[in-house]
PDB file of N, CA and C in Angstrom:
ATOM      1  N   MET A   1       8.582 -22.028  -9.640  1.00  0.00           N
ATOM      2  CA  MET A   1       8.180 -20.977 -10.201  1.00  0.00           C
ATOM      3  C   MET A   1       9.403 -19.805 -10.416  1.00  0.00           C
ATOM      4  N   ALA A   2       9.484 -19.125 -11.505  1.00  0.00           N
ATOM      5  CA  ALA A   2      10.260 -17.930 -11.807  1.00  0.00           C
ATOM      6  C   ALA A   2      10.177 -16.957 -10.537  1.00  0.00           C
ATOM      7  N   ALA A   3      11.265 -16.319 -10.228  1.00  0.00           N
ATOM      8  CA  ALA A   3      11.029 -15.102  -9.449  1.00  0.00           C
ATOM      9  C   ALA A   3      10.848 -13.805 -10.419  1.00  0.00           C
ATOM     10  N   ARG A   4      10.281 -13.048  -9.899  1.00  0.00           N
ATOM     11  CA  ARG A   4      10.277 -11.594 -10.893  1.00  0.00           C
ATOM     12  C   ARG A   4      10.659 -10.488  -9.646  1.00  0.00           C
ATOM     13  N   GLU A   5      11.521  -9.756 -10.256  1.00  0.00           N
ATOM     14  CA  GLU A   5      11.860  -8.616  -9.198  1.00  0.00           C
ATOM     15  C   GLU A   5      12.219  -7.188 -10.228  1.00  0.00           C
ATOM     16  N   TRP A   6      11.575  -5.903  -9.524  1.00  0.00           N
ATOM     17  CA  TRP A   6      11.765  -4.785 -10.252  1.00  0.00           C
ATOM     18  C   TRP A   6      13.141  -4.352  -9.765  1.00  0.00           C
ATOM     19  N   VAL A   7      13.792  -4.144 -10.474  1.00  0.00           N
ATOM     20  CA  VAL A   7      15.271  -3.565 -10.388  1.00  0.00           C
ATOM     21  C   VAL A   7      15.712  -2.067 -10.812  1.00  0.00           C
ATOM     22  N   THR A   8      16.095  -1.030  -9.989  1.00  0.00           N
ATOM     23  CA  THR A   8      16.591   0.107 -10.372  1.00  0.00           C
ATOM     24  C   THR A   8      17.905  -0.012 -11.444  1.00  0.00           C
ATOM     25  N   ILE A   9      17.974   0.239 -12.594  1.00  0.00           N
ATOM     26  CA  ILE A   9      19.241   0.219 -13.417  1.00  0.00           C
ATOM     27  C   ILE A   9      19.830   1.564 -13.483  1.00  0.00           C
ATOM     28  N   GLN A  10      19.123   2.616 -13.311  1.00  0.00           N
ATOM     29  CA  GLN A  10      19.833   4.084 -13.315  1.00  0.00           C
ATOM     30  C   GLN A  10      18.928   5.076 -12.537  1.00  0.00           C
ATOM     31  N   THR A  11      19.424   5.982 -12.056  1.00  0.00           N
ATOM     32  CA  THR A  11      18.852   7.335 -11.640  1.00  0.00           C
ATOM     33  C   THR A  11      19.242   8.443 -12.519  1.00  0.00           C
ATOM     34  N   ILE A  12      18.150   9.197 -12.985  1.00  0.00           N
ATOM     35  CA  ILE A  12      18.527  10.310 -14.241  1.00  0.00           C
ATOM     36  C   ILE A  12      17.626  11.269 -14.026  1.00  0.00           C
ATOM     37  N   HIS A  13      18.169  12.497 -14.317  1.00  0.00           N
ATOM     38  CA  HIS A  13      17.222  13.857 -14.245  1.00  0.00           C
ATOM     39  C   HIS A  13      16.310  13.739 -15.452  1.00  0.00           C
ATOM     40  N   CYS A  14      14.947  13.855 -15.300  1.00  0.00           N
ATOM     41  CA  CYS A  14      13.920  13.982 -16.216  1.00  0.00           C
ATOM     42  C   CYS A  14      13.571  15.355 -16.418  1.00  0.00           C
ATOM     43  N   ASP A  15      13.936  16.042 -17.585  1.00  0.00           N
ATOM     44  CA  ASP A  15      13.299  17.215 -17.855  1.00  0.00           C
ATOM     45  C   ASP A  15      11.914  17.477 -17.509  1.00  0.00           C
ATOM     46  N   ARG A  16      11.041  16.499 -18.401  1.00  0.00           N
ATOM     47  CA  ARG A  16       9.571  16.601 -18.337  1.00  0.00           C
ATOM     48  C   ARG A  16       9.116  16.692 -16.948  1.00  0.00           C
ATOM     49  N   VAL A  17       9.420  15.954 -15.895  1.00  0.00           N
ATOM     50  CA  VAL A  17       9.026  16.126 -14.449  1.00  0.00           C
ATOM     51  C   VAL A  17       9.638  17.019 -13.728  1.00  0.00           C
ATOM     52  N   GLY A  18      11.072  17.450 -14.091  1.00  0.00           N
ATOM     53  CA  GLY A  18      11.769  18.431 -13.461  1.00  0.00           C
ATOM     54  C   GLY A  18      12.403  17.670 -12.117  1.00  0.00           C
ATOM     55  N   GLU A  19      12.608  16.382 -12.142  1.00  0.00           N
ATOM     56  CA  GLU A  19      13.418  15.857 -10.891  1.00  0.00           C
ATOM     57  C   GLU A  19      13.891  14.530 -11.449  1.00  0.00           C
ATOM     58  N   GLU A  20      14.792  13.991 -10.469  1.00  0.00           N
ATOM     59  CA  GLU A  20      15.338  12.631 -10.768  1.00  0.00           C
ATOM     60  C   GLU A  20      14.432  11.701 -10.578  1.00  0.00           C
ATOM     61  N   VAL A  21      14.541  10.696 -11.606  1.00  0.00           N
ATOM     62  CA  VAL A  21      13.584   9.504 -11.841  1.00  0.00           C
ATOM     63  C   VAL A  21      14.701   8.312 -11.679  1.00  0.00           C
ATOM     64  N   PHE A  22      13.931   7.064 -11.462  1.00  0.00           N
ATOM     65  CA  PHE A  22      14.517   5.771 -11.357  1.00  0.00           C
ATOM     66  C   PHE A  22      14.056   4.796 -12.730  1.00  0.00           C
ATOM     67  N   LEU A  23      15.006   4.775 -13.437  1.00  0.00           N
ATOM     68  CA  LEU A  23      14.822   3.857 -14.727  1.00  0.00           C
ATOM     69  C   LEU A  23      14.584   2.344 -14.129  1.00  0.00           C
ATOM     70  N   LEU A  24      13.701   1.652 -14.201  1.00  0.00           N
ATOM     71  CA  LEU A  24      13.435   0.135 -13.683  1.00  0.00           C
ATOM     72  C   LEU A  24      13.272  -0.927 -14.763  1.00  0.00           C
ATOM     73  N   GLU A  25      13.782  -1.870 -14.528  1.00  0.00           N
ATOM     74  CA  GLU A  25      13.327  -3.099 -15.364  1.00  0.00           C
ATOM     75  C   GLU A  25      12.788  -4.190 -14.517  1.00  0.00           C
ATOM     76  N   GLU A  26      11.889  -5.203 -15.056  1.00  0.00           N
ATOM     77  CA  GLU A  26      11.324  -6.202 -14.238  1.00  0.00           C
ATOM     78  C   GLU A  26      12.390  -7.421 -14.865  1.00  0.00           C
ATOM     79  N   ARG A  27      12.772  -8.054 -13.806  1.00  0.00           N
ATOM     80  CA  ARG A  27      13.613  -9.100 -14.136  1.00  0.00           C
ATOM     81  C   ARG A  27      13.073 -10.459 -13.950  1.00  0.00           C
ATOM     82  N   ILE A  28      13.162 -11.316 -14.785  1.00  0.00           N
ATOM     83  CA  ILE A  28      12.533 -12.915 -14.326  1.00  0.00           C
ATOM     84  C   ILE A  28      13.683 -13.778 -14.339  1.00  0.00           C
ATOM     85  N   TYR A  29      13.777 -14.332 -13.285  1.00  0.00           N
ATOM     86  CA  TYR A  29      15.012 -15.174 -12.727  1.00  0.00           C
ATOM     87  C   TYR A  29      14.386 -16.715 -12.713  1.00  0.00           C
ATOM     88  N   PRO A  30      14.977 -17.424 -13.629  1.00  0.00           N
ATOM     89  CA  PRO A  30      14.339 -18.788 -13.814  1.00  0.00           C
ATOM     90  C   PRO A  30      14.621 -19.599 -12.228  1.00  0.00           C
ATOM     91  N   ASP A  31      13.963 -20.690 -12.343  1.00  0.00           N
ATOM     92  CA  ASP A  31      14.102 -21.741 -11.198  1.00  0.00           C
ATOM     93  C   ASP A  31      15.394 -22.342 -11.280  1.00  0.00           C
ATOM     94  N   ASP A  32      15.779 -22.830 -12.317  1.00  0.00           N
ATOM     95  CA  ASP A  32      16.967 -23.586 -12.738  1.00  0.00           C
ATOM     96  C   ASP A  32      17.706 -22.704 -13.646  1.00  0.00           C
ATOM     97  N   VAL A  33      18.999 -22.785 -13.590  1.00  0.00           N
ATOM     98  CA  VAL A  33      19.800 -22.391 -14.370  1.00  0.00           C
ATOM     99  C   VAL A  33      19.814 -23.128 -15.997  1.00  0.00           C
ATOM    100  N   LEU A  34      19.502 -22.322 -17.053  1.00  0.00           N
ATOM    101  CA  LEU A  34      19.748 -22.730 -18.444  1.00  0.00           C
ATOM    102  C   LEU A  34      20.700 -22.863 -18.831  1.00  0.00           C
ATOM    103  N   PRO A  35      21.056 -23.893 -19.553  1.00  0.00           N
ATOM    104  CA  PRO A  35      22.428 -23.998 -20.107  1.00  0.00           C
ATOM    105  C   PRO A  35      22.234 -23.139 -21.452  1.00  0.00           C
ATOM    106  N   ASP A  36      23.522 -22.600 -22.037  1.00  0.00           N
ATOM    107  CA  ASP A  36      23.502 -21.803 -23.014  1.00  0.00           C
ATOM    108  C   ASP A  36      22.707 -20.541 -23.185  1.00  0.00           C
ATOM    109  N   VAL A  37      22.109 -20.149 -22.206  1.00  0.00           N
ATOM    110  CA  VAL A  37      21.163 -18.842 -22.265  1.00  0.00           C
ATOM    111  C   VAL A  37      22.181 -17.657 -22.259  1.00  0.00           C
ATOM    112  N   GLY A  38      23.140 -17.834 -21.588  1.00  0.00           N
ATOM    113  CA  GLY A  38      24.115 -16.477 -21.534  1.00  0.00           C
ATOM    114  C   GLY A  38      23.642 -15.370 -20.432  1.00  0.00           C
ATOM    115  N   ALA A  39      22.459 -15.435 -20.012  1.00  0.00           N
ATOM    116  CA  ALA A  39      22.320 -14.396 -19.073  1.00  0.00           C
ATOM    117  C   ALA A  39      21.467 -14.875 -17.809  1.00  0.00           C
ATOM    118  N   PRO A  40      21.660 -14.476 -16.481  1.00  0.00           N
ATOM    119  CA  PRO A  40      20.972 -15.315 -15.445  1.00  0.00           C
ATOM    120  C   PRO A  40      19.624 -14.778 -15.255  1.00  0.00           C
ATOM    121  N   TYR A  41      19.020 -13.855 -16.057  1.00  0.00           N
ATOM    122  CA  TYR A  41      17.732 -13.494 -16.019  1.00  0.00           C
ATOM    123  C   TYR A  41      17.112 -12.842 -17.441  1.00  0.00           C
ATOM    124  N   HIS A  42      15.937 -12.744 -17.479  1.00  0.00           N
ATOM    125  CA  HIS A  42      15.504 -12.268 -18.734  1.00  0.00           C
ATOM    126  C   HIS A  42      14.518 -10.695 -18.245  1.00  0.00           C
ATOM    127  N   VAL A  43      14.889  -9.786 -19.129  1.00  0.00           N
ATOM    128  CA  VAL A  43      14.171  -8.507 -18.748  1.00  0.00           C
ATOM    129  C   VAL A  43      12.600  -8.398 -19.457  1.00  0.00           C
ATOM    130  N   ASN A  44      11.736  -8.627 -18.564  1.00  0.00           N
ATOM    131  CA  ASN A  44      10.316  -8.337 -19.120  1.00  0.00           C
ATOM    132  C   ASN A  44       9.811  -7.295 -19.561  1.00  0.00           C
ATOM    133  N   GLN A  45       9.977  -6.336 -18.785  1.00  0.00           N
ATOM    134  CA  GLN A  45       9.574  -4.779 -19.337  1.00  0.00           C
ATOM    135  C   GLN A  45      10.299  -4.176 -18.535  1.00  0.00           C
ATOM    136  N   LYS A  46      10.228  -2.595 -19.119  1.00  0.00           N
ATOM    137  CA  LYS A  46      10.889  -1.469 -18.388  1.00  0.00           C
ATOM    138  C   LYS A  46      10.092  -0.506 -17.980  1.00  0.00           C
ATOM    139  N   LYS A  47      10.202   0.652 -17.129  1.00  0.00           N
ATOM    140  CA  LYS A  47       9.334   1.747 -16.673  1.00  0.00           C
ATOM    141  C   LYS A  47      10.392   2.580 -15.920  1.00  0.00           C
ATOM    142  N   CYS A  48       9.824   3.768 -15.870  1.00  0.00           N
ATOM    143  CA  CYS A  48      10.302   4.836 -15.094  1.00  0.00           C
ATOM    144  C   CYS A  48       9.484   5.032 -13.809  1.00  0.00           C
ATOM    145  N   SER A  49      10.089   5.268 -12.801  1.00  0.00           N
ATOM    146  CA  SER A  49       9.502   5.654 -11.529  1.00  0.00           C
ATOM    147  C   SER A  49       8.169   6.510 -11.671  1.00  0.00           C
ATOM    148  N   HIS A  50       8.180   7.504 -12.491  1.00  0.00           N
ATOM    149  CA  HIS A  50       7.249   8.412 -12.660  1.00  0.00           C
ATOM    150  C   HIS A  50       6.553   8.002 -14.001  1.00  0.00           C
ATOM    151  N   TRP A  51       6.371   6.800 -14.324  1.00  0.00           N
ATOM    152  CA  TRP A  51       5.595   6.664 -15.753  1.00  0.00           C
ATOM    153  C   TRP A  51       4.344   6.612 -15.715  1.00  0.00           C
ATOM    154  N   LEU A  52       3.442   6.381 -14.639  1.00  0.00           N
ATOM    155  CA  LEU A  52       1.872   6.424 -14.402  1.00  0.00           C
ATOM    156  C   LEU A  52       1.590   8.118 -14.584  1.00  0.00           C
ATOM    157  N   ASP A  53       2.615   9.000 -14.364  1.00  0.00           N
ATOM    158  CA  ASP A  53       2.301  10.423 -14.250  1.00  0.00           C
ATOM    159  C   ASP A  53       2.348  10.894 -15.667  1.00  0.00           C
ATOM    160  N   CYS A  54       3.467  10.209 -16.469  1.00  0.00           N
ATOM    161  CA  CYS A  54       3.725  10.893 -17.837  1.00  0.00           C
ATOM    162  C   CYS A  54       2.762  10.103 -18.587  1.00  0.00           C
ATOM    163  N   ASN A  55       2.354   8.961 -18.401  1.00  0.00           N
ATOM    164  CA  ASN A  55       1.468   8.247 -19.119  1.00  0.00           C
ATOM    165  C   ASN A  55       0.016   8.775 -19.041  1.00  0.00           C
ATOM    166  N   LEU A  56      -0.323   9.448 -17.906  1.00  0.00           N
ATOM    167  CA  LEU A  56      -1.692  10.020 -17.884  1.00  0.00           C
ATOM    168  C   LEU A  56      -1.543  11.525 -18.564  1.00  0.00           C
ATOM    169  N   ALA A  57      -0.344  12.176 -18.504  1.00  0.00           N
ATOM    170  CA  ALA A  57      -0.165  13.561 -19.137  1.00  0.00           C
ATOM    171  C   ALA A  57       0.056  13.199 -20.722  1.00  0.00           C
ATOM    172  N   GLU A  58       0.075  11.838 -21.100  1.00  0.00           N
ATOM    173  CA  GLU A  58       0.383  11.678 -22.499  1.00  0.00           C
ATOM    174  C   GLU A  58       1.776  12.066 -22.971  1.00  0.00           C
ATOM    175  N   TYR A  59       2.899  12.079 -22.376  1.00  0.00           N
ATOM    176  CA  TYR A  59       4.136  12.214 -22.290  1.00  0.00           C
ATOM    177  C   TYR A  59       4.581  11.042 -23.404  1.00  0.00           C
ATOM    178  N   PRO A  60       5.028  11.119 -24.659  1.00  0.00           N
ATOM    179  CA  PRO A  60       5.289   9.902 -25.424  1.00  0.00           C
ATOM    180  C   PRO A  60       6.702   9.554 -25.279  1.00  0.00           C
ATOM    181  N   CYS A  61       6.901   8.330 -24.694  1.00  0.00           N
ATOM    182  CA  CYS A  61       8.213   7.909 -24.111  1.00  0.00           C
ATOM    183  C   CYS A  61       8.071   6.257 -23.812  1.00  0.00           C
ATOM    184  N   CYS A  62       9.349   5.664 -24.163  1.00  0.00           N
ATOM    185  CA  CYS A  62       9.069   4.318 -24.011  1.00  0.00           C
ATOM    186  C   CYS A  62       9.255   3.894 -22.454  1.00  0.00           C
ATOM    187  N   TRP A  63       9.693   4.736 -21.643  1.00  0.00           N
ATOM    188  CA  TRP A  63       9.611   4.542 -20.264  1.00  0.00           C
ATOM    189  C   TRP A  63       7.926   4.587 -19.615  1.00  0.00           C
ATOM    190  N   SER A  64       7.002   5.417 -20.220  1.00  0.00           N
ATOM    191  CA  SER A  64       5.939   5.518 -19.761  1.00  0.00           C
ATOM    192  C   SER A  64       4.901   4.800 -20.583  1.00  0.00           C
ATOM    193  N   GLY A  65       5.522   3.865 -21.348  1.00  0.00           N
ATOM    194  CA  GLY A  65       4.594   2.963 -22.253  1.00  0.00           C
ATOM    195  C   GLY A  65       3.849   3.463 -23.438  1.00  0.00           C
ATOM    196  N   ILE A  66       3.910   4.734 -23.831  1.00  0.00           N
ATOM    197  CA  ILE A  66       3.170   5.074 -24.863  1.00  0.00           C
ATOM    198  C   ILE A  66       3.816   5.148 -26.196  1.00  0.00           C
ATOM    199  N   ASN A  67       5.120   5.246 -26.123  1.00  0.00           N
ATOM    200  CA  ASN A  67       5.736   5.338 -27.532  1.00  0.00           C
ATOM    201  C   ASN A  67       6.899   4.590 -27.377  1.00  0.00           C
ATOM    202  N   PRO A  68       7.223   3.255 -27.880  1.00  0.00           N
ATOM    203  CA  PRO A  68       8.367   2.443 -27.422  1.00  0.00           C
ATOM    204  C   PRO A  68       9.567   2.797 -28.336  1.00  0.00           C
ATOM    205  N   ALA A  69       9.260   3.584 -29.212  1.00  0.00           N
ATOM    206  CA  ALA A  69      10.447   3.749 -30.279  1.00  0.00           C
ATOM    207  C   ALA A  69      11.080   5.193 -29.766  1.00  0.00           C
ATOM    208  N   TYR A  70      10.638   6.066 -28.786  1.00  0.00           N
ATOM    209  CA  TYR A  70      11.261   7.255 -28.091  1.00  0.00           C
ATOM    210  C   TYR A  70      11.858   7.215 -26.987  1.00  0.00           C
ATOM    211  N   ASP A  71      13.074   7.292 -26.719  1.00  0.00           N
ATOM    212  CA  ASP A  71      13.677   7.087 -25.519  1.00  0.00           C
ATOM    213  C   ASP A  71      14.645   8.474 -25.223  1.00  0.00           C
ATOM    214  N   PRO A  72      13.891   9.310 -24.334  1.00  0.00           N
ATOM    215  CA  PRO A  72      14.431  10.629 -23.936  1.00  0.00           C
ATOM    216  C   PRO A  72      15.550  10.423 -23.341  1.00  0.00           C
ATOM    217  N   PHE A  73      16.277   9.217 -22.888  1.00  0.00           N
ATOM    218  CA  PHE A  73      17.262   9.273 -22.041  1.00  0.00           C
ATOM    219  C   PHE A  73      18.459   8.518 -22.658  1.00  0.00           C
ATOM    220  N   LYS A  74      18.253   8.291 -23.956  1.00  0.00           N
ATOM    221  CA  LYS A  74      19.303   7.293 -24.920  1.00  0.00           C
ATOM    222  C   LYS A  74      20.639   8.047 -25.049  1.00  0.00           C
ATOM    223  N   ASP A  75      20.452   9.345 -24.940  1.00  0.00           N
ATOM    224  CA  ASP A  75      22.067  10.046 -25.227  1.00  0.00           C
ATOM    225  C   ASP A  75      22.556  10.127 -23.804  1.00  0.00           C
ATOM    226  N   SER A  76      21.767  10.262 -22.587  1.00  0.00           N
ATOM    227  CA  SER A  76      22.390  10.379 -21.359  1.00  0.00           C
ATOM    228  C   SER A  76      22.765   9.062 -20.765  1.00  0.00           C
ATOM    229  N   ARG A  77      22.695   8.010 -21.242  1.00  0.00           N
ATOM    230  CA  ARG A  77      22.745   6.992 -20.145  1.00  0.00           C
ATOM    231  C   ARG A  77      23.531   5.574 -21.084  1.00  0.00           C
ATOM    232  N   GLU A  78      24.108   4.844 -20.478  1.00  0.00           N
ATOM    233  CA  GLU A  78      24.736   3.771 -21.221  1.00  0.00           C
ATOM    234  C   GLU A  78      23.523   2.812 -21.763  1.00  0.00           C
ATOM    235  N   GLN A  79      24.057   2.302 -22.911  1.00  0.00           N
ATOM    236  CA  GLN A  79      23.210   1.185 -23.596  1.00  0.00           C
ATOM    237  C   GLN A  79      22.765   0.100 -22.461  1.00  0.00           C
ATOM    238  N   PRO A  80      21.622  -0.486 -22.511  1.00  0.00           N
ATOM    239  CA  PRO A  80      21.280  -1.658 -21.843  1.00  0.00           C
ATOM    240  C   PRO A  80      22.375  -2.651 -22.024  1.00  0.00           C
ATOM    241  N   ARG A  81      22.465  -3.762 -20.883  1.00  0.00           N
ATOM    242  CA  ARG A  81      23.108  -4.682 -21.007  1.00  0.00           C
ATOM    243  C   ARG A  81      22.419  -5.803 -22.034  1.00  0.00           C
TER     244      ARG A  81
END
């Protein structure tokens, strides 16, 4: 069975919640190494450590799961691998 793990990819200041948040991604590692895949894991989903609070407050953001087209941290961080 594949292993799933939440990994912090960056800590960044969020103006909406007024504090540092963790940007997380759920990585799935296969049991066996797959040839010609290129990456040792697959990113299944992404979220912020405050995703639930922002989701309930209806802040549209790809990290809260409400608006996948809007990333408020896009200019402040490196592009994902």
